[in-house]
Amino acid sequence: MEHEDRFVDIEIKLAHQEDLVDSLNQTVYQQARRIDQLEAMVQQLAEHLRTMREVGRQTPLNERPPHY
């Protein structure tokens, strides 16, 4: 009976570990997707910043508006 109880305990622990591994895998997957989204956002912002710099270089800072 003692061996059977030990096997049951081991099976219970194994089941809990499998659940934990599944949960951790899901968390890692979700975090990887979020990281991908954030990296894409950073790329878009960097491109926007480059575009804004180019526009800023084309417009002189001390130029009078056309209505003067």
PDB file of N, CA and C in Angstrom:
ATOM      1  N   MET A   1       0.817  -1.187   0.000  1.00  0.00           N
ATOM      2  CA  MET A   1       0.000   0.000   0.000  1.00  0.00           C
ATOM      3  C   MET A   1       0.865   1.257   0.000  1.00  0.00           C
ATOM      4  N   GLU A   2       1.981   1.218   0.663  1.00  0.00           N
ATOM      5  CA  GLU A   2       2.873   2.372   0.741  1.00  0.00           C
ATOM      6  C   GLU A   2       3.384   2.757  -0.642  1.00  0.00           C
ATOM      7  N   HIS A   3       3.746   1.761  -1.464  1.00  0.00           N
ATOM      8  CA  HIS A   3       4.242   2.041  -2.812  1.00  0.00           C
ATOM      9  C   HIS A   3       3.149   2.671  -3.675  1.00  0.00           C
ATOM     10  N   GLU A   4       1.954   2.187  -3.514  1.00  0.00           N
ATOM     11  CA  GLU A   4       0.845   2.722  -4.298  1.00  0.00           C
ATOM     12  C   GLU A   4       0.585   4.187  -3.947  1.00  0.00           C
ATOM     13  N   ASP A   5       0.640   4.504  -2.652  1.00  0.00           N
ATOM     14  CA  ASP A   5       0.456   5.891  -2.214  1.00  0.00           C
ATOM     15  C   ASP A   5       1.542   6.792  -2.791  1.00  0.00           C
ATOM     16  N   ARG A   6       2.771   6.305  -2.825  1.00  0.00           N
ATOM     17  CA  ARG A   6       3.876   7.088  -3.382  1.00  0.00           C
ATOM     18  C   ARG A   6       3.664   7.331  -4.870  1.00  0.00           C
ATOM     19  N   PHE A   7       3.208   6.302  -5.587  1.00  0.00           N
ATOM     20  CA  PHE A   7       2.946   6.463  -7.017  1.00  0.00           C
ATOM     21  C   PHE A   7       1.833   7.495  -7.257  1.00  0.00           C
ATOM     22  N   VAL A   8       0.808   7.448  -6.433  1.00  0.00           N
ATOM     23  CA  VAL A   8      -0.294   8.406  -6.569  1.00  0.00           C
ATOM     24  C   VAL A   8       0.229   9.819  -6.315  1.00  0.00           C
ATOM     25  N   ASP A   9       1.042   9.990  -5.284  1.00  0.00           N
ATOM     26  CA  ASP A   9       1.640  11.300  -4.994  1.00  0.00           C
ATOM     27  C   ASP A   9       2.486  11.793  -6.166  1.00  0.00           C
ATOM     28  N   ILE A  10       3.279  10.905  -6.725  1.00  0.00           N
ATOM     29  CA  ILE A  10       4.126  11.270  -7.870  1.00  0.00           C
ATOM     30  C   ILE A  10       3.256  11.658  -9.069  1.00  0.00           C
ATOM     31  N   GLU A  11       2.198  10.908  -9.324  1.00  0.00           N
ATOM     32  CA  GLU A  11       1.306  11.229 -10.440  1.00  0.00           C
ATOM     33  C   GLU A  11       0.629  12.578 -10.238  1.00  0.00           C
ATOM     34  N   ILE A  12       0.236  12.873  -9.008  1.00  0.00           N
ATOM     35  CA  ILE A  12      -0.396  14.164  -8.697  1.00  0.00           C
ATOM     36  C   ILE A  12       0.595  15.296  -8.936  1.00  0.00           C
ATOM     37  N   LYS A  13       1.825  15.117  -8.439  1.00  0.00           N
ATOM     38  CA  LYS A  13       2.850  16.148  -8.632  1.00  0.00           C
ATOM     39  C   LYS A  13       3.155  16.339 -10.118  1.00  0.00           C
ATOM     40  N   LEU A  14       3.224  15.259 -10.854  1.00  0.00           N
ATOM     41  CA  LEU A  14       3.485  15.339 -12.294  1.00  0.00           C
ATOM     42  C   LEU A  14       2.361  16.092 -13.004  1.00  0.00           C
ATOM     43  N   ALA A  15       1.135  15.821 -12.627  1.00  0.00           N
ATOM     44  CA  ALA A  15      -0.004  16.515 -13.243  1.00  0.00           C
ATOM     45  C   ALA A  15       0.064  18.012 -12.964  1.00  0.00           C
ATOM     46  N   HIS A  16       0.418  18.379 -11.739  1.00  0.00           N
ATOM     47  CA  HIS A  16       0.557  19.796 -11.388  1.00  0.00           C
ATOM     48  C   HIS A  16       1.700  20.440 -12.183  1.00  0.00           C
ATOM     49  N   GLN A  17       2.791  19.733 -12.334  1.00  0.00           N
ATOM     50  CA  GLN A  17       3.918  20.275 -13.098  1.00  0.00           C
ATOM     51  C   GLN A  17       3.548  20.447 -14.570  1.00  0.00           C
ATOM     52  N   GLU A  18       2.817  19.509 -15.127  1.00  0.00           N
ATOM     53  CA  GLU A  18       2.376  19.642 -16.521  1.00  0.00           C
ATOM     54  C   GLU A  18       1.474  20.861 -16.690  1.00  0.00           C
ATOM     55  N   ASP A  19       0.576  21.082 -15.736  1.00  0.00           N
ATOM     56  CA  ASP A  19      -0.286  22.263 -15.781  1.00  0.00           C
ATOM     57  C   ASP A  19       0.540  23.542 -15.694  1.00  0.00           C
ATOM     58  N   LEU A  20       1.529  23.528 -14.811  1.00  0.00           N
ATOM     59  CA  LEU A  20       2.388  24.700 -14.645  1.00  0.00           C
ATOM     60  C   LEU A  20       3.179  24.981 -15.923  1.00  0.00           C
ATOM     61  N   VAL A  21       3.725  23.945 -16.538  1.00  0.00           N
ATOM     62  CA  VAL A  21       4.496  24.114 -17.776  1.00  0.00           C
ATOM     63  C   VAL A  21       3.589  24.655 -18.882  1.00  0.00           C
ATOM     64  N   ASP A  22       2.380  24.142 -18.988  1.00  0.00           N
ATOM     65  CA  ASP A  22       1.432  24.644 -19.989  1.00  0.00           C
ATOM     66  C   ASP A  22       1.117  26.122 -19.749  1.00  0.00           C
ATOM     67  N   SER A  23       0.903  26.465 -18.496  1.00  0.00           N
ATOM     68  CA  SER A  23       0.602  27.845 -18.145  1.00  0.00           C
ATOM     69  C   SER A  23       1.791  28.766 -18.468  1.00  0.00           C
ATOM     70  N   LEU A  24       2.987  28.321 -18.128  1.00  0.00           N
ATOM     71  CA  LEU A  24       4.180  29.120 -18.423  1.00  0.00           C
ATOM     72  C   LEU A  24       4.399  29.263 -19.925  1.00  0.00           C
ATOM     73  N   ASN A  25       4.157  28.206 -20.673  1.00  0.00           N
ATOM     74  CA  ASN A  25       4.284  28.282 -22.130  1.00  0.00           C
ATOM     75  C   ASN A  25       3.309  29.296 -22.708  1.00  0.00           C
ATOM     76  N   GLN A  26       2.091  29.299 -22.221  1.00  0.00           N
ATOM     77  CA  GLN A  26       1.092  30.262 -22.698  1.00  0.00           C
ATOM     78  C   GLN A  26       1.535  31.689 -22.369  1.00  0.00           C
ATOM     79  N   THR A  27       2.072  31.891 -21.171  1.00  0.00           N
ATOM     80  CA  THR A  27       2.538  33.210 -20.774  1.00  0.00           C
ATOM     81  C   THR A  27       3.688  33.674 -21.664  1.00  0.00           C
ATOM     82  N   VAL A  28       4.641  32.802 -21.919  1.00  0.00           N
ATOM     83  CA  VAL A  28       5.774  33.138 -22.776  1.00  0.00           C
ATOM     84  C   VAL A  28       5.291  33.472 -24.186  1.00  0.00           C
ATOM     85  N   TYR A  29       4.346  32.699 -24.697  1.00  0.00           N
ATOM     86  CA  TYR A  29       3.797  32.950 -26.034  1.00  0.00           C
ATOM     87  C   TYR A  29       3.141  34.334 -26.093  1.00  0.00           C
ATOM     88  N   GLN A  30       2.331  34.657 -25.102  1.00  0.00           N
ATOM     89  CA  GLN A  30       1.659  35.954 -25.070  1.00  0.00           C
ATOM     90  C   GLN A  30       2.661  37.094 -24.960  1.00  0.00           C
ATOM     91  N   GLN A  31       3.692  36.912 -24.142  1.00  0.00           N
ATOM     92  CA  GLN A  31       4.705  37.947 -23.998  1.00  0.00           C
ATOM     93  C   GLN A  31       5.489  38.127 -25.295  1.00  0.00           C
ATOM     94  N   ALA A  32       5.775  37.057 -25.987  1.00  0.00           N
ATOM     95  CA  ALA A  32       6.495  37.151 -27.262  1.00  0.00           C
ATOM     96  C   ALA A  32       5.652  37.918 -28.281  1.00  0.00           C
ATOM     97  N   ARG A  33       4.359  37.647 -28.322  1.00  0.00           N
ATOM     98  CA  ARG A  33       3.476  38.389 -29.235  1.00  0.00           C
ATOM     99  C   ARG A  33       3.455  39.868 -28.891  1.00  0.00           C
ATOM    100  N   ARG A  34       3.397  40.173 -27.605  1.00  0.00           N
ATOM    101  CA  ARG A  34       3.373  41.582 -27.173  1.00  0.00           C
ATOM    102  C   ARG A  34       4.691  42.262 -27.514  1.00  0.00           C
ATOM    103  N   ILE A  35       5.796  41.577 -27.321  1.00  0.00           N
ATOM    104  CA  ILE A  35       7.099  42.132 -27.674  1.00  0.00           C
ATOM    105  C   ILE A  35       7.148  42.428 -29.166  1.00  0.00           C
ATOM    106  N   ASP A  36       6.639  41.518 -29.984  1.00  0.00           N
ATOM    107  CA  ASP A  36       6.599  41.750 -31.427  1.00  0.00           C
ATOM    108  C   ASP A  36       5.781  43.000 -31.757  1.00  0.00           C
ATOM    109  N   GLN A  37       4.640  43.155 -31.098  1.00  0.00           N
ATOM    110  CA  GLN A  37       3.805  44.332 -31.322  1.00  0.00           C
ATOM    111  C   GLN A  37       4.540  45.608 -30.930  1.00  0.00           C
ATOM    112  N   LEU A  38       5.205  45.575 -29.788  1.00  0.00           N
ATOM    113  CA  LEU A  38       5.929  46.756 -29.312  1.00  0.00           C
ATOM    114  C   LEU A  38       7.110  47.091 -30.211  1.00  0.00           C
ATOM    115  N   GLU A  39       7.797  46.074 -30.710  1.00  0.00           N
ATOM    116  CA  GLU A  39       8.904  46.319 -31.634  1.00  0.00           C
ATOM    117  C   GLU A  39       8.394  46.967 -32.915  1.00  0.00           C
ATOM    118  N   ALA A  40       7.258  46.516 -33.419  1.00  0.00           N
ATOM    119  CA  ALA A  40       6.676  47.118 -34.614  1.00  0.00           C
ATOM    120  C   ALA A  40       6.291  48.571 -34.348  1.00  0.00           C
ATOM    121  N   MET A  41       5.760  48.834 -33.174  1.00  0.00           N
ATOM    122  CA  MET A  41       5.382  50.195 -32.812  1.00  0.00           C
ATOM    123  C   MET A  41       6.619  51.095 -32.735  1.00  0.00           C
ATOM    124  N   VAL A  42       7.679  50.602 -32.156  1.00  0.00           N
ATOM    125  CA  VAL A  42       8.916  51.374 -32.059  1.00  0.00           C
ATOM    126  C   VAL A  42       9.452  51.677 -33.455  1.00  0.00           C
ATOM    127  N   GLN A  43       9.391  50.702 -34.351  1.00  0.00           N
ATOM    128  CA  GLN A  43       9.836  50.915 -35.729  1.00  0.00           C
ATOM    129  C   GLN A  43       9.006  52.012 -36.392  1.00  0.00           C
ATOM    130  N   GLN A  44       7.695  51.978 -36.199  1.00  0.00           N
ATOM    131  CA  GLN A  44       6.823  52.993 -36.787  1.00  0.00           C
ATOM    132  C   GLN A  44       7.143  54.375 -36.217  1.00  0.00           C
ATOM    133  N   LEU A  45       7.355  54.447 -34.921  1.00  0.00           N
ATOM    134  CA  LEU A  45       7.681  55.734 -34.301  1.00  0.00           C
ATOM    135  C   LEU A  45       9.028  56.256 -34.784  1.00  0.00           C
ATOM    136  N   ALA A  46       9.996  55.361 -34.938  1.00  0.00           N
ATOM    137  CA  ALA A  46      11.310  55.768 -35.435  1.00  0.00           C
ATOM    138  C   ALA A  46      11.189  56.303 -36.863  1.00  0.00           C
ATOM    139  N   GLU A  47      10.405  55.645 -37.689  1.00  0.00           N
ATOM    140  CA  GLU A  47      10.195  56.109 -39.066  1.00  0.00           C
ATOM    141  C   GLU A  47       9.478  57.454 -39.075  1.00  0.00           C
ATOM    142  N   HIS A  48       8.490  57.599 -38.218  1.00  0.00           N
ATOM    143  CA  HIS A  48       7.780  58.874 -38.111  1.00  0.00           C
ATOM    144  C   HIS A  48       8.738  59.988 -37.689  1.00  0.00           C
ATOM    145  N   LEU A  49       9.591  59.703 -36.734  1.00  0.00           N
ATOM    146  CA  LEU A  49      10.571  60.689 -36.271  1.00  0.00           C
ATOM    147  C   LEU A  49      11.525  61.076 -37.399  1.00  0.00           C
ATOM    148  N   ARG A  50      11.983  60.079 -38.175  1.00  0.00           N
ATOM    149  CA  ARG A  50      12.862  60.381 -39.311  1.00  0.00           C
ATOM    150  C   ARG A  50      12.154  61.290 -40.316  1.00  0.00           C
ATOM    151  N   THR A  51      10.898  60.988 -40.570  1.00  0.00           N
ATOM    152  CA  THR A  51      10.113  61.800 -41.503  1.00  0.00           C
ATOM    153  C   THR A  51       9.968  63.226 -40.980  1.00  0.00           C
ATOM    154  N   MET A  52       9.690  63.358 -39.697  1.00  0.00           N
ATOM    155  CA  MET A  52       9.531  64.687 -39.105  1.00  0.00           C
ATOM    156  C   MET A  52      10.850  65.473 -39.162  1.00  0.00           C
ATOM    157  N   ARG A  53      11.964  64.806 -38.966  1.00  0.00           N
ATOM    158  CA  ARG A  53      13.267  65.474 -39.061  1.00  0.00           C
ATOM    159  C   ARG A  53      13.510  65.974 -40.480  1.00  0.00           C
ATOM    160  N   GLU A  54      13.160  65.139 -41.465  1.00  0.00           N
ATOM    161  CA  GLU A  54      13.340  65.535 -42.864  1.00  0.00           C
ATOM    162  C   GLU A  54      12.477  66.750 -43.190  1.00  0.00           C
ATOM    163  N   VAL A  55      11.246  66.751 -42.735  1.00  0.00           N
ATOM    164  CA  VAL A  55      10.359  67.885 -42.969  1.00  0.00           C
ATOM    165  C   VAL A  55      10.929  69.122 -42.281  1.00  0.00           C
ATOM    166  N   GLY A  56      11.456  68.953 -41.084  1.00  0.00           N
ATOM    167  CA  GLY A  56      12.039  70.070 -40.342  1.00  0.00           C
ATOM    168  C   GLY A  56      13.256  70.648 -41.041  1.00  0.00           C
ATOM    169  N   ARG A  57      14.021  69.819 -41.699  1.00  0.00           N
ATOM    170  CA  ARG A  57      15.203  70.299 -42.427  1.00  0.00           C
ATOM    171  C   ARG A  57      14.803  71.076 -43.672  1.00  0.00           C
ATOM    172  N   GLN A  58      13.668  70.744 -44.241  1.00  0.00           N
ATOM    173  CA  GLN A  58      13.239  71.393 -45.471  1.00  0.00           C
ATOM    174  C   GLN A  58      12.607  72.762 -45.201  1.00  0.00           C
ATOM    175  N   THR A  59      12.141  72.987 -43.997  1.00  0.00           N
ATOM    176  CA  THR A  59      11.496  74.246 -43.643  1.00  0.00           C
ATOM    177  C   THR A  59      12.454  75.081 -42.811  1.00  0.00           C
ATOM    178  N   PRO A  60      12.900  76.229 -43.324  1.00  0.00           N
ATOM    179  CA  PRO A  60      13.799  77.080 -42.533  1.00  0.00           C
ATOM    180  C   PRO A  60      13.111  77.561 -41.259  1.00  0.00           C
ATOM    181  N   LEU A  61      13.845  77.607 -40.170  1.00  0.00           N
ATOM    182  CA  LEU A  61      13.262  77.982 -38.882  1.00  0.00           C
ATOM    183  C   LEU A  61      12.894  79.459 -38.819  1.00  0.00           C
ATOM    184  N   ASN A  62      13.649  80.337 -39.456  1.00  0.00           N
ATOM    185  CA  ASN A  62      13.417  81.781 -39.350  1.00  0.00           C
ATOM    186  C   ASN A  62      12.627  82.342 -40.526  1.00  0.00           C
ATOM    187  N   GLU A  63      12.027  81.506 -41.308  1.00  0.00           N
ATOM    188  CA  GLU A  63      11.260  81.967 -42.461  1.00  0.00           C
ATOM    189  C   GLU A  63       9.987  82.627 -41.999  1.00  0.00           C
ATOM    190  N   ARG A  64       9.706  83.812 -42.590  1.00  0.00           N
ATOM    191  CA  ARG A  64       8.461  84.504 -42.249  1.00  0.00           C
ATOM    192  C   ARG A  64       7.290  83.806 -42.915  1.00  0.00           C
ATOM    193  N   PRO A  65       6.176  83.765 -42.238  1.00  0.00           N
ATOM    194  CA  PRO A  65       4.969  83.196 -42.853  1.00  0.00           C
ATOM    195  C   PRO A  65       4.577  84.007 -44.085  1.00  0.00           C
ATOM    196  N   PRO A  66       3.859  83.431 -45.029  1.00  0.00           N
ATOM    197  CA  PRO A  66       3.524  84.104 -46.286  1.00  0.00           C
ATOM    198  C   PRO A  66       2.660  85.369 -46.122  1.00  0.00           C
ATOM    199  N   HIS A  67       1.960  85.559 -45.030  1.00  0.00           N
ATOM    200  CA  HIS A  67       1.072  86.702 -44.878  1.00  0.00           C
ATOM    201  C   HIS A  67       1.818  87.972 -44.461  1.00  0.00           C
ATOM    202  N   TYR A  68       3.141  87.947 -44.229  1.00  0.00           N
ATOM    203  CA  TYR A  68       3.906  89.145 -43.874  1.00  0.00           C
ATOM    204  C   TYR A  68       4.290  89.933 -45.088  1.00  0.00           C
TER     205      TYR A  68
END
